[in-house]
Protein backbone atom coordinates (compact mmCIF):
# COMPACT_ATOMS: atom_id res chain seq x y z
CA MET A 1 103.50 -144.81 43.80
CA SER A 2 101.65 -148.01 44.71
CA ALA A 3 102.03 -151.56 43.52
CA PRO A 4 99.07 -153.89 43.01
CA THR A 5 98.84 -156.78 45.44
CA ARG A 6 96.36 -159.50 46.34
CA ILE A 7 94.72 -159.34 49.75
CA ASP A 8 92.69 -162.05 51.46
CA ASP A 9 88.95 -161.40 51.20
CA ASP A 10 88.51 -161.55 54.98
CA LEU A 11 91.25 -158.94 55.54
CA PHE A 12 89.70 -156.63 52.96
CA ALA A 13 86.23 -157.11 54.49
CA ALA A 14 87.62 -156.26 57.93
CA ALA A 15 89.28 -153.15 56.51
CA GLN A 16 85.97 -152.12 54.91
CA GLN A 17 84.27 -152.39 58.31
CA ILE A 18 86.98 -150.77 60.44
CA GLY A 19 88.25 -148.15 57.98
CA PRO A 20 85.20 -145.83 58.04
CA LEU A 21 85.26 -145.84 61.85
CA GLN A 22 88.78 -144.39 61.60
CA SER A 23 87.92 -142.07 58.66
CA ARG A 24 89.93 -144.28 56.29
CA SER A 25 89.13 -146.16 53.12
CA ALA A 26 89.71 -149.92 53.09
CA ALA A 27 93.02 -149.41 51.28
CA GLN A 28 94.11 -146.77 53.79
CA GLN A 29 93.17 -149.08 56.67
CA ILE A 30 95.23 -151.94 55.23
CA ASN A 31 98.18 -149.58 54.74
CA HIS A 32 97.77 -148.43 58.34
CA TRP A 33 97.82 -152.02 59.62
CA ALA A 34 100.86 -152.80 57.47
CA ARG A 35 102.73 -149.81 58.89
CA ILE A 36 101.91 -150.91 62.43
CA GLY A 37 103.17 -154.41 61.68
CA ARG A 38 106.37 -153.05 60.14
CA ALA A 39 106.93 -150.77 63.12
CA LEU A 40 106.43 -153.62 65.57
CA GLU A 41 108.75 -155.94 63.70
CA THR A 42 111.51 -153.34 63.52
CA ALA A 43 110.98 -151.80 66.98
CA ASN A 44 113.72 -151.69 69.55
CA GLY A 45 113.20 -154.45 72.04
CA VAL A 46 111.76 -156.81 69.44
CA SER A 47 113.85 -159.83 68.62
CA GLN A 48 112.55 -161.69 65.60
CA ARG A 49 114.58 -164.71 66.74
CA ARG A 50 112.81 -164.77 70.13
CA VAL A 51 109.41 -164.35 68.44
CA ASN A 52 110.18 -167.22 66.05
CA GLU A 53 111.28 -169.40 68.97
CA VAL A 54 107.94 -168.88 70.71
CA LEU A 55 106.09 -169.65 67.48
CA ALA A 56 108.17 -172.83 67.13
CA GLY A 57 107.40 -173.81 70.73
CA SER A 58 110.98 -173.61 71.99
CA ARG A 59 110.63 -170.45 74.12
CA ASP A 60 108.02 -169.37 76.65
CA TYR A 61 105.65 -166.56 75.65
CA ASP A 62 106.06 -164.92 79.08
CA ASP A 63 109.80 -164.39 78.38
CA LEU A 64 108.99 -161.85 75.67
CA SER A 65 108.62 -158.08 75.85
CA ASP A 66 105.19 -156.50 75.47
CA GLU A 67 105.98 -155.64 71.84
CA GLU A 68 107.09 -159.19 71.08
CA GLN A 69 103.96 -160.57 72.74
CA ALA A 70 101.85 -158.28 70.53
CA LEU A 71 103.52 -159.77 67.45
CA ILE A 72 102.88 -163.30 68.74
CA ARG A 73 99.21 -162.59 69.37
CA ALA A 74 98.81 -161.13 65.88
CA GLU A 75 100.48 -164.20 64.36
CA TRP A 76 98.35 -166.57 66.42
CA ALA A 77 95.19 -164.72 65.38
CA GLU A 78 96.22 -165.01 61.72
CA ARG A 79 96.96 -168.71 62.06
CA ILE A 80 93.68 -169.39 63.86
CA GLU A 81 91.71 -167.48 61.23
CA SER A 82 93.49 -169.29 58.41
CA THR A 83 92.84 -172.68 59.98
CA ARG A 84 89.20 -171.81 60.69
CA ASN A 85 88.67 -170.68 57.10
CA SER A 86 90.11 -173.93 55.78
CA LEU A 87 87.68 -176.08 57.77
CA ASN A 88 84.51 -177.49 56.25
CA LEU A 89 83.11 -179.55 59.09
CA ALA A 90 79.71 -179.91 57.43
CA ALA A 91 81.37 -181.67 54.48
CA GLU A 92 83.48 -183.82 56.80
CA PHE A 93 80.41 -184.89 58.79
CA ALA A 94 78.48 -185.57 55.59
CA ALA A 95 81.32 -187.68 54.19
CA ALA A 96 81.36 -189.67 57.44
CA GLY A 97 77.56 -190.00 57.40
CA ARG A 98 77.27 -188.20 60.73
CA SER A 99 74.52 -185.89 61.89
CA TYR A 100 75.40 -182.72 63.77
CA VAL A 101 73.75 -179.70 65.35
CA GLU A 102 74.48 -176.02 64.87
CA LEU A 103 72.91 -172.65 65.54
CA ASP A 104 71.00 -170.94 62.75
CA ALA A 105 71.12 -167.18 62.14
CA ASP A 106 68.44 -166.65 64.81
CA GLY A 107 70.29 -168.68 67.45
CA ASN A 108 68.04 -171.74 67.21
CA VAL A 109 69.56 -175.20 67.48
CA VAL A 110 69.18 -177.02 64.15
CA ARG A 111 69.95 -180.71 63.58
CA ARG A 112 71.63 -181.50 60.27
CA ASP A 113 71.24 -185.03 58.96
CA PRO A 114 73.56 -185.70 56.00
CA ALA A 115 71.59 -188.80 55.00
CA THR A 116 68.51 -186.70 54.20
CA ASN A 117 70.18 -183.27 54.07
CA ALA A 118 67.28 -182.06 56.19
CA SER A 119 67.04 -180.01 59.35
């Protein structure tokens, strides 16, 4: 039996890309990742307290076991992705009246001028 749940769009998109490479559907890939996470969190040699201390900045990453470090890296990746997705630097620059440059889809440098909204 399965229960419906909401999944972030980026996680589902990643599962759609990776799943077929592993002969899994997107749902099967997400279940696979969840099982790995559960196994890591409950594995012998993994102290959730030590992991939380590293995440809080009160313990050194190098003090952890390989399994604990894997959990930390996964958490850091999630936090980085979440922060990156919440950024809208173009809007911030526009609100400040600042121009900026970025790369277009072809790798060309494009100048964005919020005053004229032109490249």
